[in-house]
Amino acid sequence: MRRFEFVDGSSSKFWMPEVQGATFIVTYGRIGTAGQRKEKVFPDEDSALREYTKKVAEKVREGYAEVGAGEA
């Protein structure tokens, strides 16, 4: 699973996206916590992958940097 982090001033957040079949899953929160998990089901896997790609690009534009794989 890819892991992105944003650290700026008092902000210290992580964001981890993944796709399982037609489900787009994001785990996010403050670094050092377990975070929250959100799932969104799409009609097919291609739609979930499009959302994944869109959201990764959005987070990178917002200043998140990829730091590597996180724990599942």
N, C-alpha and C. Protein backbone atom coordinates (compact mmCIF):
# COMPACT_ATOMS: atom_id res chain seq x y z
N MET A 1 0.85 -1.17 0.00
CA MET A 1 0.00 0.00 0.00
C MET A 1 0.90 1.24 0.00
N ARG A 2 0.55 2.20 -0.83
CA ARG A 2 1.32 3.44 -0.89
C ARG A 2 0.97 4.31 0.32
N ARG A 3 1.95 5.07 0.79
CA ARG A 3 1.74 5.96 1.94
C ARG A 3 2.25 7.35 1.58
N PHE A 4 1.41 8.34 1.85
CA PHE A 4 1.76 9.73 1.61
C PHE A 4 1.69 10.47 2.94
N GLU A 5 2.60 11.44 3.12
CA GLU A 5 2.59 12.22 4.35
C GLU A 5 2.68 13.70 4.02
N PHE A 6 2.07 14.50 4.91
CA PHE A 6 2.11 15.95 4.79
C PHE A 6 2.52 16.50 6.14
N VAL A 7 3.67 17.16 6.19
CA VAL A 7 4.15 17.75 7.44
C VAL A 7 4.48 19.21 7.15
N ASP A 8 3.77 20.11 7.84
CA ASP A 8 3.97 21.54 7.62
C ASP A 8 3.49 22.28 8.87
N GLY A 9 4.39 22.93 9.55
CA GLY A 9 4.01 23.62 10.78
C GLY A 9 3.48 22.63 11.81
N SER A 10 2.27 22.85 12.29
CA SER A 10 1.69 21.94 13.28
C SER A 10 0.94 20.78 12.62
N SER A 11 0.86 20.78 11.30
CA SER A 11 0.17 19.72 10.57
C SER A 11 1.11 18.54 10.34
N SER A 12 0.64 17.34 10.64
CA SER A 12 1.42 16.13 10.48
C SER A 12 0.43 14.99 10.17
N LYS A 13 0.17 14.78 8.87
CA LYS A 13 -0.89 13.85 8.46
C LYS A 13 -0.36 12.78 7.51
N PHE A 14 -1.07 11.65 7.49
CA PHE A 14 -0.77 10.60 6.51
C PHE A 14 -2.03 10.25 5.74
N TRP A 15 -1.83 9.64 4.58
CA TRP A 15 -2.94 9.25 3.70
C TRP A 15 -2.49 8.02 2.93
N MET A 16 -3.25 6.91 3.03
CA MET A 16 -2.87 5.65 2.37
C MET A 16 -4.05 5.12 1.55
N PRO A 17 -3.93 5.18 0.21
CA PRO A 17 -5.00 4.69 -0.65
C PRO A 17 -4.74 3.25 -1.13
N GLU A 18 -5.82 2.53 -1.41
CA GLU A 18 -5.70 1.21 -2.04
C GLU A 18 -7.00 0.86 -2.74
N VAL A 19 -6.89 -0.06 -3.70
CA VAL A 19 -8.06 -0.55 -4.41
C VAL A 19 -8.13 -2.05 -4.21
N GLN A 20 -9.31 -2.53 -3.79
CA GLN A 20 -9.55 -3.98 -3.66
C GLN A 20 -10.78 -4.27 -4.50
N GLY A 21 -10.56 -4.81 -5.68
CA GLY A 21 -11.68 -5.05 -6.59
C GLY A 21 -12.31 -3.74 -6.99
N ALA A 22 -13.60 -3.58 -6.77
CA ALA A 22 -14.31 -2.35 -7.13
C ALA A 22 -14.43 -1.39 -5.95
N THR A 23 -13.63 -1.62 -4.89
CA THR A 23 -13.69 -0.79 -3.70
C THR A 23 -12.42 0.05 -3.55
N PHE A 24 -12.61 1.36 -3.40
CA PHE A 24 -11.51 2.29 -3.16
C PHE A 24 -11.46 2.54 -1.65
N ILE A 25 -10.33 2.28 -1.04
CA ILE A 25 -10.18 2.37 0.41
C ILE A 25 -9.09 3.39 0.74
N VAL A 26 -9.37 4.26 1.70
CA VAL A 26 -8.39 5.24 2.15
C VAL A 26 -8.29 5.17 3.67
N THR A 27 -7.06 5.10 4.15
CA THR A 27 -6.78 5.21 5.58
C THR A 27 -6.02 6.51 5.76
N TYR A 28 -6.48 7.35 6.69
CA TYR A 28 -5.86 8.67 6.85
C TYR A 28 -5.94 9.12 8.30
N GLY A 29 -5.09 10.09 8.65
CA GLY A 29 -5.14 10.64 10.00
C GLY A 29 -3.84 11.32 10.36
N ARG A 30 -3.69 11.59 11.64
CA ARG A 30 -2.46 12.21 12.13
C ARG A 30 -1.38 11.15 12.24
N ILE A 31 -0.16 11.53 11.89
CA ILE A 31 0.97 10.60 12.01
C ILE A 31 1.11 10.20 13.47
N GLY A 32 1.29 8.90 13.70
CA GLY A 32 1.41 8.38 15.06
C GLY A 32 0.11 7.77 15.58
N THR A 33 -0.98 7.91 14.80
CA THR A 33 -2.26 7.30 15.19
C THR A 33 -2.61 6.22 14.18
N ALA A 34 -3.60 5.40 14.51
CA ALA A 34 -4.07 4.37 13.59
C ALA A 34 -4.85 4.99 12.43
N GLY A 35 -5.43 6.16 12.66
CA GLY A 35 -6.19 6.85 11.62
C GLY A 35 -7.59 6.29 11.44
N GLN A 36 -8.26 6.83 10.44
CA GLN A 36 -9.61 6.40 10.08
C GLN A 36 -9.57 5.70 8.74
N ARG A 37 -10.56 4.83 8.51
CA ARG A 37 -10.63 4.10 7.26
C ARG A 37 -11.97 4.39 6.59
N LYS A 38 -11.92 4.76 5.33
CA LYS A 38 -13.14 5.02 4.55
C LYS A 38 -13.12 4.11 3.32
N GLU A 39 -14.27 3.57 2.99
CA GLU A 39 -14.40 2.72 1.81
C GLU A 39 -15.49 3.27 0.91
N LYS A 40 -15.24 3.24 -0.39
CA LYS A 40 -16.24 3.67 -1.36
C LYS A 40 -16.32 2.60 -2.45
N VAL A 41 -17.51 2.06 -2.66
CA VAL A 41 -17.71 0.99 -3.64
C VAL A 41 -18.13 1.61 -4.98
N PHE A 42 -17.48 1.16 -6.04
CA PHE A 42 -17.78 1.63 -7.39
C PHE A 42 -18.43 0.50 -8.20
N PRO A 43 -19.03 0.83 -9.34
CA PRO A 43 -19.69 -0.21 -10.15
C PRO A 43 -18.73 -1.27 -10.68
N ASP A 44 -17.46 -0.87 -10.92
CA ASP A 44 -16.47 -1.83 -11.44
C ASP A 44 -15.07 -1.41 -11.01
N GLU A 45 -14.11 -2.29 -11.22
CA GLU A 45 -12.73 -2.03 -10.79
C GLU A 45 -12.11 -0.86 -11.53
N ASP A 46 -12.43 -0.69 -12.82
CA ASP A 46 -11.88 0.43 -13.59
C ASP A 46 -12.28 1.77 -12.98
N SER A 47 -13.51 1.89 -12.53
CA SER A 47 -13.98 3.13 -11.90
C SER A 47 -13.22 3.38 -10.60
N ALA A 48 -12.99 2.34 -9.83
CA ALA A 48 -12.24 2.48 -8.57
C ALA A 48 -10.80 2.90 -8.85
N LEU A 49 -10.19 2.34 -9.89
CA LEU A 49 -8.82 2.71 -10.25
C LEU A 49 -8.73 4.15 -10.74
N ARG A 50 -9.74 4.61 -11.47
CA ARG A 50 -9.76 6.01 -11.91
C ARG A 50 -9.83 6.95 -10.70
N GLU A 51 -10.66 6.61 -9.72
CA GLU A 51 -10.77 7.42 -8.50
C GLU A 51 -9.44 7.42 -7.74
N TYR A 52 -8.81 6.26 -7.65
CA TYR A 52 -7.50 6.13 -6.99
C TYR A 52 -6.48 7.07 -7.64
N THR A 53 -6.38 7.02 -8.96
CA THR A 53 -5.42 7.85 -9.69
C THR A 53 -5.71 9.33 -9.50
N LYS A 54 -7.00 9.69 -9.56
CA LYS A 54 -7.41 11.08 -9.39
C LYS A 54 -7.05 11.60 -8.00
N LYS A 55 -7.34 10.80 -6.97
CA LYS A 55 -7.09 11.23 -5.59
C LYS A 55 -5.60 11.30 -5.27
N VAL A 56 -4.79 10.39 -5.82
CA VAL A 56 -3.34 10.45 -5.61
C VAL A 56 -2.80 11.75 -6.19
N ALA A 57 -3.21 12.08 -7.42
CA ALA A 57 -2.76 13.33 -8.05
C ALA A 57 -3.18 14.55 -7.23
N GLU A 58 -4.39 14.51 -6.70
CA GLU A 58 -4.92 15.61 -5.88
C GLU A 58 -4.08 15.80 -4.61
N LYS A 59 -3.75 14.70 -3.94
CA LYS A 59 -2.97 14.79 -2.70
C LYS A 59 -1.55 15.31 -2.99
N VAL A 60 -0.95 14.88 -4.09
CA VAL A 60 0.38 15.35 -4.44
C VAL A 60 0.34 16.86 -4.71
N ARG A 61 -0.70 17.33 -5.40
CA ARG A 61 -0.86 18.78 -5.63
C ARG A 61 -1.01 19.54 -4.33
N GLU A 62 -1.64 18.93 -3.33
CA GLU A 62 -1.84 19.57 -2.02
C GLU A 62 -0.57 19.59 -1.18
N GLY A 63 0.48 18.90 -1.62
CA GLY A 63 1.74 18.92 -0.89
C GLY A 63 2.12 17.63 -0.19
N TYR A 64 1.32 16.59 -0.34
CA TYR A 64 1.66 15.30 0.25
C TYR A 64 2.82 14.69 -0.54
N ALA A 65 3.73 14.01 0.16
CA ALA A 65 4.86 13.35 -0.48
C ALA A 65 4.79 11.86 -0.17
N GLU A 66 5.07 11.05 -1.18
CA GLU A 66 5.05 9.60 -0.97
C GLU A 66 6.27 9.19 -0.17
N VAL A 67 6.06 8.40 0.88
CA VAL A 67 7.14 7.98 1.76
C VAL A 67 7.38 6.48 1.71
N GLY A 68 6.57 5.76 0.97
CA GLY A 68 6.78 4.32 0.86
C GLY A 68 5.59 3.54 1.36
N ALA A 69 5.79 2.25 1.48
CA ALA A 69 4.70 1.36 1.88
C ALA A 69 4.47 1.42 3.37
N GLY A 70 3.20 1.36 3.76
CA GLY A 70 2.83 1.33 5.18
C GLY A 70 2.45 -0.07 5.57
N GLU A 71 2.12 -0.26 6.81
CA GLU A 71 1.67 -1.57 7.30
C GLU A 71 0.22 -1.78 6.93
N ALA A 72 -0.12 -2.98 6.54
CA ALA A 72 -1.50 -3.28 6.13
C ALA A 72 -2.41 -3.32 7.34
